[in-house]
Amino acid sequence: HKRQVTALTMKLAELQSQLLRLNALGERLA
C-alpha cells in the first residue's frame, strides 16, 4: 500500500510539472 501511494504521489508531481509547462506555453501563444 505504501509503495502504491508513493507511486501515485510521484505521478501527481509529474502531472503538475507538465501542466505548468502547458500553462506557460498557452500563455505565450495567447
mmCIF file of all heavy atoms, coordinates in Angstrom:
data_MODEL
# 
_entry.id   MODEL 
# 
loop_
_atom_site.group_PDB 
_atom_site.id 
_atom_site.type_symbol 
_atom_site.label_atom_id 
_atom_site.label_alt_id 
_atom_site.label_comp_id 
_atom_site.label_asym_id 
_atom_site.label_entity_id 
_atom_site.label_seq_id 
_atom_site.pdbx_PDB_ins_code 
_atom_site.Cartn_x 
_atom_site.Cartn_y 
_atom_site.Cartn_z 
_atom_site.occupancy 
_atom_site.B_iso_or_equiv 
_atom_site.pdbx_formal_charge 
_atom_site.auth_seq_id 
_atom_site.auth_comp_id 
_atom_site.auth_asym_id 
_atom_site.auth_atom_id 
_atom_site.pdbx_PDB_model_num 
ATOM 1   N N   . HIS A 1 1  ? 0.835  -1.204 0.000   1.00 0.00 ? 1  HIS A N   1 
ATOM 2   C CA  . HIS A 1 1  ? 0.000  0.000  0.000   1.00 0.00 ? 1  HIS A CA  1 
ATOM 3   C C   . HIS A 1 1  ? 0.874  1.260  0.000   1.00 0.00 ? 1  HIS A C   1 
ATOM 4   O O   . HIS A 1 1  ? 0.591  2.219  -0.727  1.00 0.00 ? 1  HIS A O   1 
ATOM 5   C CB  . HIS A 1 1  ? -0.908 -0.019 1.223   1.00 0.00 ? 1  HIS A CB  1 
ATOM 6   C CG  . HIS A 1 1  ? -1.828 1.164  1.308   1.00 0.00 ? 1  HIS A CG  1 
ATOM 7   N ND1 . HIS A 1 1  ? -2.953 1.292  0.520   1.00 0.00 ? 1  HIS A ND1 1 
ATOM 8   C CD2 . HIS A 1 1  ? -1.775 2.292  2.071   1.00 0.00 ? 1  HIS A CD2 1 
ATOM 9   C CE1 . HIS A 1 1  ? -3.565 2.424  0.807   1.00 0.00 ? 1  HIS A CE1 1 
ATOM 10  N NE2 . HIS A 1 1  ? -2.865 3.049  1.745   1.00 0.00 ? 1  HIS A NE2 1 
ATOM 11  N N   . LYS A 1 2  ? 1.939  1.244  0.807   1.00 0.00 ? 2  LYS A N   1 
ATOM 12  C CA  . LYS A 1 2  ? 2.842  2.405  0.851   1.00 0.00 ? 2  LYS A CA  1 
ATOM 13  C C   . LYS A 1 2  ? 3.528  2.619  -0.494  1.00 0.00 ? 2  LYS A C   1 
ATOM 14  O O   . LYS A 1 2  ? 3.693  3.758  -0.943  1.00 0.00 ? 2  LYS A O   1 
ATOM 15  C CB  . LYS A 1 2  ? 3.887  2.204  1.952   1.00 0.00 ? 2  LYS A CB  1 
ATOM 16  C CG  . LYS A 1 2  ? 3.344  2.359  3.366   1.00 0.00 ? 2  LYS A CG  1 
ATOM 17  C CD  . LYS A 1 2  ? 4.442  2.188  4.409   1.00 0.00 ? 2  LYS A CD  1 
ATOM 18  C CE  . LYS A 1 2  ? 3.906  2.396  5.817   1.00 0.00 ? 2  LYS A CE  1 
ATOM 19  N NZ  . LYS A 1 2  ? 4.951  2.223  6.847   1.00 0.00 ? 2  LYS A NZ  1 
ATOM 20  N N   . ARG A 1 3  ? 3.927  1.518  -1.146  1.00 0.00 ? 3  ARG A N   1 
ATOM 21  C CA  . ARG A 1 3  ? 4.557  1.639  -2.467  1.00 0.00 ? 3  ARG A CA  1 
ATOM 22  C C   . ARG A 1 3  ? 3.590  2.244  -3.485  1.00 0.00 ? 3  ARG A C   1 
ATOM 23  O O   . ARG A 1 3  ? 3.966  3.084  -4.304  1.00 0.00 ? 3  ARG A O   1 
ATOM 24  C CB  . ARG A 1 3  ? 5.048  0.267  -2.939  1.00 0.00 ? 3  ARG A CB  1 
ATOM 25  C CG  . ARG A 1 3  ? 6.304  -0.224 -2.238  1.00 0.00 ? 3  ARG A CG  1 
ATOM 26  C CD  . ARG A 1 3  ? 6.932  -1.378 -2.989  1.00 0.00 ? 3  ARG A CD  1 
ATOM 27  N NE  . ARG A 1 3  ? 6.071  -2.535 -3.022  1.00 0.00 ? 3  ARG A NE  1 
ATOM 28  C CZ  . ARG A 1 3  ? 6.126  -3.528 -2.147  1.00 0.00 ? 3  ARG A CZ  1 
ATOM 29  N NH1 . ARG A 1 3  ? 7.004  -3.479 -1.168  1.00 0.00 ? 3  ARG A NH1 1 
ATOM 30  N NH2 . ARG A 1 3  ? 5.319  -4.563 -2.245  1.00 0.00 ? 3  ARG A NH2 1 
ATOM 31  N N   . GLN A 1 4  ? 2.337  1.808  -3.445  1.00 0.00 ? 4  GLN A N   1 
ATOM 32  C CA  . GLN A 1 4  ? 1.343  2.335  -4.379  1.00 0.00 ? 4  GLN A CA  1 
ATOM 33  C C   . GLN A 1 4  ? 1.073  3.811  -4.122  1.00 0.00 ? 4  GLN A C   1 
ATOM 34  O O   . GLN A 1 4  ? 0.937  4.601  -5.063  1.00 0.00 ? 4  GLN A O   1 
ATOM 35  C CB  . GLN A 1 4  ? 0.047  1.528  -4.262  1.00 0.00 ? 4  GLN A CB  1 
ATOM 36  C CG  . GLN A 1 4  ? 0.157  0.111  -4.801  1.00 0.00 ? 4  GLN A CG  1 
ATOM 37  C CD  . GLN A 1 4  ? -1.098 -0.695 -4.575  1.00 0.00 ? 4  GLN A CD  1 
ATOM 38  O OE1 . GLN A 1 4  ? -1.887 -0.404 -3.682  1.00 0.00 ? 4  GLN A OE1 1 
ATOM 39  N NE2 . GLN A 1 4  ? -1.305 -1.726 -5.378  1.00 0.00 ? 4  GLN A NE2 1 
ATOM 40  N N   . VAL A 1 5  ? 1.008  4.204  -2.859  1.00 0.00 ? 5  VAL A N   1 
ATOM 41  C CA  . VAL A 1 5  ? 0.796  5.614  -2.519  1.00 0.00 ? 5  VAL A CA  1 
ATOM 42  C C   . VAL A 1 5  ? 1.980  6.462  -2.986  1.00 0.00 ? 5  VAL A C   1 
ATOM 43  O O   . VAL A 1 5  ? 1.810  7.561  -3.520  1.00 0.00 ? 5  VAL A O   1 
ATOM 44  C CB  . VAL A 1 5  ? 0.590  5.772  -0.987  1.00 0.00 ? 5  VAL A CB  1 
ATOM 45  C CG1 . VAL A 1 5  ? 0.613  7.242  -0.601  1.00 0.00 ? 5  VAL A CG1 1 
ATOM 46  C CG2 . VAL A 1 5  ? -0.727 5.134  -0.578  1.00 0.00 ? 5  VAL A CG2 1 
ATOM 47  N N   . THR A 1 6  ? 3.201  5.929  -2.833  1.00 0.00 ? 6  THR A N   1 
ATOM 48  C CA  . THR A 1 6  ? 4.393  6.642  -3.297  1.00 0.00 ? 6  THR A CA  1 
ATOM 49  C C   . THR A 1 6  ? 4.373  6.829  -4.812  1.00 0.00 ? 6  THR A C   1 
ATOM 50  O O   . THR A 1 6  ? 4.665  7.910  -5.329  1.00 0.00 ? 6  THR A O   1 
ATOM 51  C CB  . THR A 1 6  ? 5.662  5.864  -2.892  1.00 0.00 ? 6  THR A CB  1 
ATOM 52  O OG1 . THR A 1 6  ? 5.688  5.710  -1.472  1.00 0.00 ? 6  THR A OG1 1 
ATOM 53  C CG2 . THR A 1 6  ? 6.915  6.601  -3.343  1.00 0.00 ? 6  THR A CG2 1 
ATOM 54  N N   . ALA A 1 7  ? 4.001  5.761  -5.534  1.00 0.00 ? 7  ALA A N   1 
ATOM 55  C CA  . ALA A 1 7  ? 3.910  5.842  -6.995  1.00 0.00 ? 7  ALA A CA  1 
ATOM 56  C C   . ALA A 1 7  ? 2.857  6.856  -7.420  1.00 0.00 ? 7  ALA A C   1 
ATOM 57  O O   . ALA A 1 7  ? 3.057  7.631  -8.366  1.00 0.00 ? 7  ALA A O   1 
ATOM 58  C CB  . ALA A 1 7  ? 3.586  4.464  -7.579  1.00 0.00 ? 7  ALA A CB  1 
ATOM 59  N N   . LEU A 1 8  ? 1.735  6.859  -6.722  1.00 0.00 ? 8  LEU A N   1 
ATOM 60  C CA  . LEU A 1 8  ? 0.660  7.811  -7.019  1.00 0.00 ? 8  LEU A CA  1 
ATOM 61  C C   . LEU A 1 8  ? 1.124  9.244  -6.782  1.00 0.00 ? 8  LEU A C   1 
ATOM 62  O O   . LEU A 1 8  ? 0.855  10.138 -7.591  1.00 0.00 ? 8  LEU A O   1 
ATOM 63  C CB  . LEU A 1 8  ? -0.542 7.494  -6.135  1.00 0.00 ? 8  LEU A CB  1 
ATOM 64  C CG  . LEU A 1 8  ? -1.855 8.229  -6.436  1.00 0.00 ? 8  LEU A CG  1 
ATOM 65  C CD1 . LEU A 1 8  ? -2.357 7.887  -7.817  1.00 0.00 ? 8  LEU A CD1 1 
ATOM 66  C CD2 . LEU A 1 8  ? -2.904 7.880  -5.403  1.00 0.00 ? 8  LEU A CD2 1 
ATOM 67  N N   . THR A 1 9  ? 1.851  9.476  -5.708  1.00 0.00 ? 9  THR A N   1 
ATOM 68  C CA  . THR A 1 9  ? 2.371  10.814 -5.403  1.00 0.00 ? 9  THR A CA  1 
ATOM 69  C C   . THR A 1 9  ? 3.344  11.291 -6.468  1.00 0.00 ? 9  THR A C   1 
ATOM 70  O O   . THR A 1 9  ? 3.300  12.445 -6.901  1.00 0.00 ? 9  THR A O   1 
ATOM 71  C CB  . THR A 1 9  ? 3.068  10.797 -4.024  1.00 0.00 ? 9  THR A CB  1 
ATOM 72  O OG1 . THR A 1 9  ? 2.156  10.316 -3.039  1.00 0.00 ? 9  THR A OG1 1 
ATOM 73  C CG2 . THR A 1 9  ? 3.534  12.187 -3.646  1.00 0.00 ? 9  THR A CG2 1 
ATOM 74  N N   . MET A 1 10 ? 4.223  10.385 -6.921  1.00 0.00 ? 10 MET A N   1 
ATOM 75  C CA  . MET A 1 10 ? 5.195  10.746 -7.959  1.00 0.00 ? 10 MET A CA  1 
ATOM 76  C C   . MET A 1 10 ? 4.499  11.081 -9.271  1.00 0.00 ? 10 MET A C   1 
ATOM 77  O O   . MET A 1 10 ? 4.873  12.033 -9.964  1.00 0.00 ? 10 MET A O   1 
ATOM 78  C CB  . MET A 1 10 ? 6.185  9.596  -8.155  1.00 0.00 ? 10 MET A CB  1 
ATOM 79  C CG  . MET A 1 10 ? 7.108  9.362  -6.968  1.00 0.00 ? 10 MET A CG  1 
ATOM 80  S SD  . MET A 1 10 ? 8.163  7.910  -7.171  1.00 0.00 ? 10 MET A SD  1 
ATOM 81  C CE  . MET A 1 10 ? 9.171  8.423  -8.572  1.00 0.00 ? 10 MET A CE  1 
ATOM 82  N N   . LYS A 1 11 ? 3.476  10.299 -9.614  1.00 0.00 ? 11 LYS A N   1 
ATOM 83  C CA  . LYS A 1 11 ? 2.730  10.574 -10.844 1.00 0.00 ? 11 LYS A CA  1 
ATOM 84  C C   . LYS A 1 11 ? 2.060  11.942 -10.784 1.00 0.00 ? 11 LYS A C   1 
ATOM 85  O O   . LYS A 1 11 ? 2.066  12.698 -11.755 1.00 0.00 ? 11 LYS A O   1 
ATOM 86  C CB  . LYS A 1 11 ? 1.677  9.486  -11.075 1.00 0.00 ? 11 LYS A CB  1 
ATOM 87  C CG  . LYS A 1 11 ? 2.228  8.188  -11.592 1.00 0.00 ? 11 LYS A CG  1 
ATOM 88  C CD  . LYS A 1 11 ? 2.687  8.310  -13.027 1.00 0.00 ? 11 LYS A CD  1 
ATOM 89  C CE  . LYS A 1 11 ? 3.163  6.993  -13.579 1.00 0.00 ? 11 LYS A CE  1 
ATOM 90  N NZ  . LYS A 1 11 ? 3.697  7.134  -14.949 1.00 0.00 ? 11 LYS A NZ  1 
ATOM 91  N N   . LEU A 1 12 ? 1.475  12.262 -9.647  1.00 0.00 ? 12 LEU A N   1 
ATOM 92  C CA  . LEU A 1 12 ? 0.829  13.560 -9.492  1.00 0.00 ? 12 LEU A CA  1 
ATOM 93  C C   . LEU A 1 12 ? 1.832  14.701 -9.623  1.00 0.00 ? 12 LEU A C   1 
ATOM 94  O O   . LEU A 1 12 ? 1.538  15.736 -10.228 1.00 0.00 ? 12 LEU A O   1 
ATOM 95  C CB  . LEU A 1 12 ? 0.126  13.625 -8.131  1.00 0.00 ? 12 LEU A CB  1 
ATOM 96  C CG  . LEU A 1 12 ? -1.160 12.799 -7.994  1.00 0.00 ? 12 LEU A CG  1 
ATOM 97  C CD1 . LEU A 1 12 ? -1.661 12.823 -6.561  1.00 0.00 ? 12 LEU A CD1 1 
ATOM 98  C CD2 . LEU A 1 12 ? -2.248 13.322 -8.929  1.00 0.00 ? 12 LEU A CD2 1 
ATOM 99  N N   . ALA A 1 13 ? 3.028  14.517 -9.076  1.00 0.00 ? 13 ALA A N   1 
ATOM 100 C CA  . ALA A 1 13 ? 4.067  15.544 -9.188  1.00 0.00 ? 13 ALA A CA  1 
ATOM 101 C C   . ALA A 1 13 ? 4.479  15.754 -10.647 1.00 0.00 ? 13 ALA A C   1 
ATOM 102 O O   . ALA A 1 13 ? 4.669  16.887 -11.105 1.00 0.00 ? 13 ALA A O   1 
ATOM 103 C CB  . ALA A 1 13 ? 5.276  15.150 -8.344  1.00 0.00 ? 13 ALA A CB  1 
ATOM 104 N N   . GLU A 1 14 ? 4.599  14.645 -11.401 1.00 0.00 ? 14 GLU A N   1 
ATOM 105 C CA  . GLU A 1 14 ? 4.945  14.749 -12.821 1.00 0.00 ? 14 GLU A CA  1 
ATOM 106 C C   . GLU A 1 14 ? 3.858  15.485 -13.599 1.00 0.00 ? 14 GLU A C   1 
ATOM 107 O O   . GLU A 1 14 ? 4.142  16.328 -14.459 1.00 0.00 ? 14 GLU A O   1 
ATOM 108 C CB  . GLU A 1 14 ? 5.155  13.351 -13.409 1.00 0.00 ? 14 GLU A CB  1 
ATOM 109 C CG  . GLU A 1 14 ? 6.398  12.648 -12.883 1.00 0.00 ? 14 GLU A CG  1 
ATOM 110 C CD  . GLU A 1 14 ? 6.507  11.226 -13.404 1.00 0.00 ? 14 GLU A CD  1 
ATOM 111 O OE1 . GLU A 1 14 ? 5.646  10.828 -14.223 1.00 0.00 ? 14 GLU A OE1 1 
ATOM 112 O OE2 . GLU A 1 14 ? 7.427  10.517 -12.982 1.00 0.00 ? 14 GLU A OE2 1 
ATOM 113 N N   . LEU A 1 15 ? 2.599  15.163 -13.306 1.00 0.00 ? 15 LEU A N   1 
ATOM 114 C CA  . LEU A 1 15 ? 1.490  15.822 -13.994 1.00 0.00 ? 15 LEU A CA  1 
ATOM 115 C C   . LEU A 1 15 ? 1.454  17.316 -13.673 1.00 0.00 ? 15 LEU A C   1 
ATOM 116 O O   . LEU A 1 15 ? 1.167  18.135 -14.551 1.00 0.00 ? 15 LEU A O   1 
ATOM 117 C CB  . LEU A 1 15 ? 0.160  15.171 -13.600 1.00 0.00 ? 15 LEU A CB  1 
ATOM 118 C CG  . LEU A 1 15 ? -0.088 13.759 -14.143 1.00 0.00 ? 15 LEU A CG  1 
ATOM 119 C CD1 . LEU A 1 15 ? -1.383 13.200 -13.583 1.00 0.00 ? 15 LEU A CD1 1 
ATOM 120 C CD2 . LEU A 1 15 ? -0.131 13.761 -15.657 1.00 0.00 ? 15 LEU A CD2 1 
ATOM 121 N N   . GLN A 1 16 ? 1.752  17.670 -12.442 1.00 0.00 ? 16 GLN A N   1 
ATOM 122 C CA  . GLN A 1 16 ? 1.779  19.083 -12.072 1.00 0.00 ? 16 GLN A CA  1 
ATOM 123 C C   . GLN A 1 16 ? 2.857  19.832 -12.858 1.00 0.00 ? 16 GLN A C   1 
ATOM 124 O O   . GLN A 1 16 ? 2.634  20.949 -13.335 1.00 0.00 ? 16 GLN A O   1 
ATOM 125 C CB  . GLN A 1 16 ? 2.032  19.221 -10.563 1.00 0.00 ? 16 GLN A CB  1 
ATOM 126 C CG  . GLN A 1 16 ? 0.826  18.842 -9.711  1.00 0.00 ? 16 GLN A CG  1 
ATOM 127 C CD  . GLN A 1 16 ? 1.136  18.842 -8.231  1.00 0.00 ? 16 GLN A CD  1 
ATOM 128 O OE1 . GLN A 1 16 ? 2.286  18.881 -7.834  1.00 0.00 ? 16 GLN A OE1 1 
ATOM 129 N NE2 . GLN A 1 16 ? 0.097  18.771 -7.407  1.00 0.00 ? 16 GLN A NE2 1 
ATOM 130 N N   . SER A 1 17 ? 4.031  19.211 -13.021 1.00 0.00 ? 17 SER A N   1 
ATOM 131 C CA  . SER A 1 17 ? 5.104  19.837 -13.799 1.00 0.00 ? 17 SER A CA  1 
ATOM 132 C C   . SER A 1 17 ? 4.698  20.021 -15.258 1.00 0.00 ? 17 SER A C   1 
ATOM 133 O O   . SER A 1 17 ? 4.943  21.063 -15.867 1.00 0.00 ? 17 SER A O   1 
ATOM 134 C CB  . SER A 1 17 ? 6.369  18.977 -13.709 1.00 0.00 ? 17 SER A CB  1 
ATOM 135 O OG  . SER A 1 17 ? 6.809  18.865 -12.380 1.00 0.00 ? 17 SER A OG  1 
ATOM 136 N N   . GLN A 1 18 ? 4.058  18.990 -15.818 1.00 0.00 ? 18 GLN A N   1 
ATOM 137 C CA  . GLN A 1 18 ? 3.622  19.086 -17.212 1.00 0.00 ? 18 GLN A CA  1 
ATOM 138 C C   . GLN A 1 18 ? 2.560  20.166 -17.385 1.00 0.00 ? 18 GLN A C   1 
ATOM 139 O O   . GLN A 1 18 ? 2.561  20.899 -18.379 1.00 0.00 ? 18 GLN A O   1 
ATOM 140 C CB  . GLN A 1 18 ? 3.089  17.734 -17.686 1.00 0.00 ? 18 GLN A CB  1 
ATOM 141 C CG  . GLN A 1 18 ? 4.175  16.679 -17.858 1.00 0.00 ? 18 GLN A CG  1 
ATOM 142 C CD  . GLN A 1 18 ? 3.623  15.339 -18.267 1.00 0.00 ? 18 GLN A CD  1 
ATOM 143 O OE1 . GLN A 1 18 ? 2.513  14.967 -17.885 1.00 0.00 ? 18 GLN A OE1 1 
ATOM 144 N NE2 . GLN A 1 18 ? 4.378  14.589 -19.029 1.00 0.00 ? 18 GLN A NE2 1 
ATOM 145 N N   . LEU A 1 19 ? 1.656  20.265 -16.431 1.00 0.00 ? 19 LEU A N   1 
ATOM 146 C CA  . LEU A 1 19 ? 0.611  21.289 -16.518 1.00 0.00 ? 19 LEU A CA  1 
ATOM 147 C C   . LEU A 1 19 ? 1.208  22.692 -16.429 1.00 0.00 ? 19 LEU A C   1 
ATOM 148 O O   . LEU A 1 19 ? 0.740  23.614 -17.109 1.00 0.00 ? 19 LEU A O   1 
ATOM 149 C CB  . LEU A 1 19 ? -0.420 21.074 -15.408 1.00 0.00 ? 19 LEU A CB  1 
ATOM 150 C CG  . LEU A 1 19 ? -1.379 19.897 -15.606 1.00 0.00 ? 19 LEU A CG  1 
ATOM 151 C CD1 . LEU A 1 19 ? -2.244 19.702 -14.374 1.00 0.00 ? 19 LEU A CD1 1 
ATOM 152 C CD2 . LEU A 1 19 ? -2.257 20.105 -16.837 1.00 0.00 ? 19 LEU A CD2 1 
ATOM 153 N N   . LEU A 1 20 ? 2.231  22.866 -15.601 1.00 0.00 ? 20 LEU A N   1 
ATOM 154 C CA  . LEU A 1 20 ? 2.895  24.171 -15.519 1.00 0.00 ? 20 LEU A CA  1 
ATOM 155 C C   . LEU A 1 20 ? 3.521  24.550 -16.862 1.00 0.00 ? 20 LEU A C   1 
ATOM 156 O O   . LEU A 1 20 ? 3.436  25.707 -17.291 1.00 0.00 ? 20 LEU A O   1 
ATOM 157 C CB  . LEU A 1 20 ? 3.971  24.145 -14.425 1.00 0.00 ? 20 LEU A CB  1 
ATOM 158 C CG  . LEU A 1 20 ? 3.461  24.134 -12.971 1.00 0.00 ? 20 LEU A CG  1 
ATOM 159 C CD1 . LEU A 1 20 ? 4.620  23.949 -12.011 1.00 0.00 ? 20 LEU A CD1 1 
ATOM 160 C CD2 . LEU A 1 20 ? 2.723  25.432 -12.659 1.00 0.00 ? 20 LEU A CD2 1 
ATOM 161 N N   . ARG A 1 21 ? 4.151  23.561 -17.525 1.00 0.00 ? 21 ARG A N   1 
ATOM 162 C CA  . ARG A 1 21 ? 4.742  23.829 -18.849 1.00 0.00 ? 21 ARG A CA  1 
ATOM 163 C C   . ARG A 1 21 ? 3.658  24.186 -19.860 1.00 0.00 ? 21 ARG A C   1 
ATOM 164 O O   . ARG A 1 21 ? 3.822  25.111 -20.669 1.00 0.00 ? 21 ARG A O   1 
ATOM 165 C CB  . ARG A 1 21 ? 5.530  22.609 -19.333 1.00 0.00 ? 21 ARG A CB  1 
ATOM 166 C CG  . ARG A 1 21 ? 6.816  22.367 -18.592 1.00 0.00 ? 21 ARG A CG  1 
ATOM 167 C CD  . ARG A 1 21 ? 7.748  21.472 -19.395 1.00 0.00 ? 21 ARG A CD  1 
ATOM 168 N NE  . ARG A 1 21 ? 7.131  20.200 -19.743 1.00 0.00 ? 21 ARG A NE  1 
ATOM 169 C CZ  . ARG A 1 21 ? 7.205  19.114 -18.990 1.00 0.00 ? 21 ARG A CZ  1 
ATOM 170 N NH1 . ARG A 1 21 ? 7.849  19.150 -17.837 1.00 0.00 ? 21 ARG A NH1 1 
ATOM 171 N NH2 . ARG A 1 21 ? 6.643  17.987 -19.386 1.00 0.00 ? 21 ARG A NH2 1 
ATOM 172 N N   . LEU A 1 22 ? 2.557  23.448 -19.829 1.00 0.00 ? 22 LEU A N   1 
ATOM 173 C CA  . LEU A 1 22 ? 1.467  23.721 -20.763 1.00 0.00 ? 22 LEU A CA  1 
ATOM 174 C C   . LEU A 1 22 ? 0.868  25.107 -20.521 1.00 0.00 ? 22 LEU A C   1 
ATOM 175 O O   . LEU A 1 22 ? 0.540  25.823 -21.474 1.00 0.00 ? 22 LEU A O   1 
ATOM 176 C CB  . LEU A 1 22 ? 0.380  22.652 -20.626 1.00 0.00 ? 22 LEU A CB  1 
ATOM 177 C CG  . LEU A 1 22 ? 0.703  21.269 -21.208 1.00 0.00 ? 22 LEU A CG  1 
ATOM 178 C CD1 . LEU A 1 22 ? -0.431 20.303 -20.927 1.00 0.00 ? 22 LEU A CD1 1 
ATOM 179 C CD2 . LEU A 1 22 ? 0.966  21.353 -22.698 1.00 0.00 ? 22 LEU A CD2 1 
ATOM 180 N N   . ASN A 1 23 ? 0.719  25.477 -19.254 1.00 0.00 ? 23 ASN A N   1 
ATOM 181 C CA  . ASN A 1 23 ? 0.184  26.802 -18.946 1.00 0.00 ? 23 ASN A CA  1 
ATOM 182 C C   . ASN A 1 23 ? 1.106  27.906 -19.471 1.00 0.00 ? 23 ASN A C   1 
ATOM 183 O O   . ASN A 1 23 ? 0.640  28.897 -20.038 1.00 0.00 ? 23 ASN A O   1 
ATOM 184 C CB  . ASN A 1 23 ? -0.001 26.960 -17.434 1.00 0.00 ? 23 ASN A CB  1 
ATOM 185 C CG  . ASN A 1 23 ? -1.202 26.186 -16.924 1.00 0.00 ? 23 ASN A CG  1 
ATOM 186 O OD1 . ASN A 1 23 ? -2.070 25.795 -17.698 1.00 0.00 ? 23 ASN A OD1 1 
ATOM 187 N ND2 . ASN A 1 23 ? -1.247 25.943 -15.624 1.00 0.00 ? 23 ASN A ND2 1 
ATOM 188 N N   . ALA A 1 24 ? 2.418  27.729 -19.267 1.00 0.00 ? 24 ALA A N   1 
ATOM 189 C CA  . ALA A 1 24 ? 3.377  28.727 -19.750 1.00 0.00 ? 24 ALA A CA  1 
ATOM 190 C C   . ALA A 1 24 ? 3.339  28.833 -21.273 1.00 0.00 ? 24 ALA A C   1 
ATOM 191 O O   . ALA A 1 24 ? 3.361  29.939 -21.840 1.00 0.00 ? 24 ALA A O   1 
ATOM 192 C CB  . ALA A 1 24 ? 4.780  28.368 -19.274 1.00 0.00 ? 24 ALA A CB  1 
ATOM 193 N N   . LEU A 1 25 ? 3.262  27.670 -21.929 1.00 0.00 ? 25 LEU A N   1 
ATOM 194 C CA  . LEU A 1 25 ? 3.202  27.660 -23.390 1.00 0.00 ? 25 LEU A CA  1 
ATOM 195 C C   . LEU A 1 25 ? 1.894  28.269 -23.884 1.00 0.00 ? 25 LEU A C   1 
ATOM 196 O O   . LEU A 1 25 ? 1.870  29.049 -24.844 1.00 0.00 ? 25 LEU A O   1 
ATOM 197 C CB  . LEU A 1 25 ? 3.339  26.219 -23.895 1.00 0.00 ? 25 LEU A CB  1 
ATOM 198 C CG  . LEU A 1 25 ? 3.418  26.009 -25.409 1.00 0.00 ? 25 LEU A CG  1 
ATOM 199 C CD1 . LEU A 1 25 ? 4.573  26.799 -26.014 1.00 0.00 ? 25 LEU A CD1 1 
ATOM 200 C CD2 . LEU A 1 25 ? 3.582  24.529 -25.724 1.00 0.00 ? 25 LEU A CD2 1 
ATOM 201 N N   . GLY A 1 26 ? 0.784  27.953 -23.199 1.00 0.00 ? 26 GLY A N   1 
ATOM 202 C CA  . GLY A 1 26 ? -0.507 28.513 -23.578 1.00 0.00 ? 26 GLY A CA  1 
ATOM 203 C C   . GLY A 1 26 ? -0.549 30.025 -23.410 1.00 0.00 ? 26 GLY A C   1 
ATOM 204 O O   . GLY A 1 26 ? -1.092 30.738 -24.267 1.00 0.00 ? 26 GLY A O   1 
ATOM 205 N N   . GLU A 1 27 ? 0.022  30.530 -22.331 1.00 0.00 ? 27 GLU A N   1 
ATOM 206 C CA  . GLU A 1 27 ? 0.062  31.982 -22.112 1.00 0.00 ? 27 GLU A CA  1 
ATOM 207 C C   . GLU A 1 27 ? 0.866  32.684 -23.205 1.00 0.00 ? 27 GLU A C   1 
ATOM 208 O O   . GLU A 1 27 ? 0.483  33.747 -23.691 1.00 0.00 ? 27 GLU A O   1 
ATOM 209 C CB  . GLU A 1 27 ? 0.665  32.282 -20.738 1.00 0.00 ? 27 GLU A CB  1 
ATOM 210 C CG  . GLU A 1 27 ? -0.258 31.947 -19.577 1.00 0.00 ? 27 GLU A CG  1 
ATOM 211 C CD  . GLU A 1 27 ? 0.395  32.189 -18.236 1.00 0.00 ? 27 GLU A CD  1 
ATOM 212 O OE1 . GLU A 1 27 ? 1.607  32.518 -18.220 1.00 0.00 ? 27 GLU A OE1 1 
ATOM 213 O OE2 . GLU A 1 27 ? -0.281 32.057 -17.198 1.00 0.00 ? 27 GLU A OE2 1 
ATOM 214 N N   . ARG A 1 28 ? 1.970  32.038 -23.586 1.00 0.00 ? 28 ARG A N   1 
ATOM 215 C CA  . ARG A 1 28 ? 2.807  32.633 -24.637 1.00 0.00 ? 28 ARG A CA  1 
ATOM 216 C C   . ARG A 1 28 ? 2.057  32.712 -25.965 1.00 0.00 ? 28 ARG A C   1 
ATOM 217 O O   . ARG A 1 28 ? 2.098  33.726 -26.662 1.00 0.00 ? 28 ARG A O   1 
ATOM 218 C CB  . ARG A 1 28 ? 4.088  31.801 -24.793 1.00 0.00 ? 28 ARG A CB  1 
ATOM 219 C CG  . ARG A 1 28 ? 5.095  32.420 -25.761 1.00 0.00 ? 28 ARG A CG  1 
ATOM 220 C CD  . ARG A 1 28 ? 6.323  31.545 -25.868 1.00 0.00 ? 28 ARG A CD  1 
ATOM 221 N NE  . ARG A 1 28 ? 7.268  32.090 -26.828 1.00 0.00 ? 28 ARG A NE  1 
ATOM 222 C CZ  . ARG A 1 28 ? 8.328  31.443 -27.284 1.00 0.00 ? 28 ARG A CZ  1 
ATOM 223 N NH1 . ARG A 1 28 ? 8.570  30.224 -26.863 1.00 0.00 ? 28 ARG A NH1 1 
ATOM 224 N NH2 . ARG A 1 28 ? 9.137  32.001 -28.148 1.00 0.00 ? 28 ARG A NH2 1 
ATOM 225 N N   . LEU A 1 29 ? 1.371  31.616 -26.304 1.00 0.00 ? 29 LEU A N   1 
ATOM 226 C CA  . LEU A 1 29 ? 0.612  31.596 -27.556 1.00 0.00 ? 29 LEU A CA  1 
ATOM 227 C C   . LEU A 1 29 ? -0.549 32.590 -27.503 1.00 0.00 ? 29 LEU A C   1 
ATOM 228 O O   . LEU A 1 29 ? -0.844 33.267 -28.496 1.00 0.00 ? 29 LEU A O   1 
ATOM 229 C CB  . LEU A 1 29 ? 0.089  30.185 -27.827 1.00 0.00 ? 29 LEU A CB  1 
ATOM 230 C CG  . LEU A 1 29 ? 1.139  29.125 -28.182 1.00 0.00 ? 29 LEU A CG  1 
ATOM 231 C CD1 . LEU A 1 29 ? 0.506  27.746 -28.225 1.00 0.00 ? 29 LEU A CD1 1 
ATOM 232 C CD2 . LEU A 1 29 ? 1.792  29.446 -29.522 1.00 0.00 ? 29 LEU A CD2 1 
ATOM 233 N N   . ALA A 1 30 ? -1.215 32.678 -26.348 1.00 0.00 ? 30 ALA A N   1 
ATOM 234 C CA  . ALA A 1 30 ? -2.337 33.604 -26.217 1.00 0.00 ? 30 ALA A CA  1 
ATOM 235 C C   . ALA A 1 30 ? -1.873 35.058 -26.344 1.00 0.00 ? 30 ALA A C   1 
ATOM 236 O O   . ALA A 1 30 ? -2.529 35.876 -26.991 1.00 0.00 ? 30 ALA A O   1 
ATOM 237 C CB  . ALA A 1 30 ? -3.034 33.396 -24.868 1.00 0.00 ? 30 ALA A CB  1 
# 
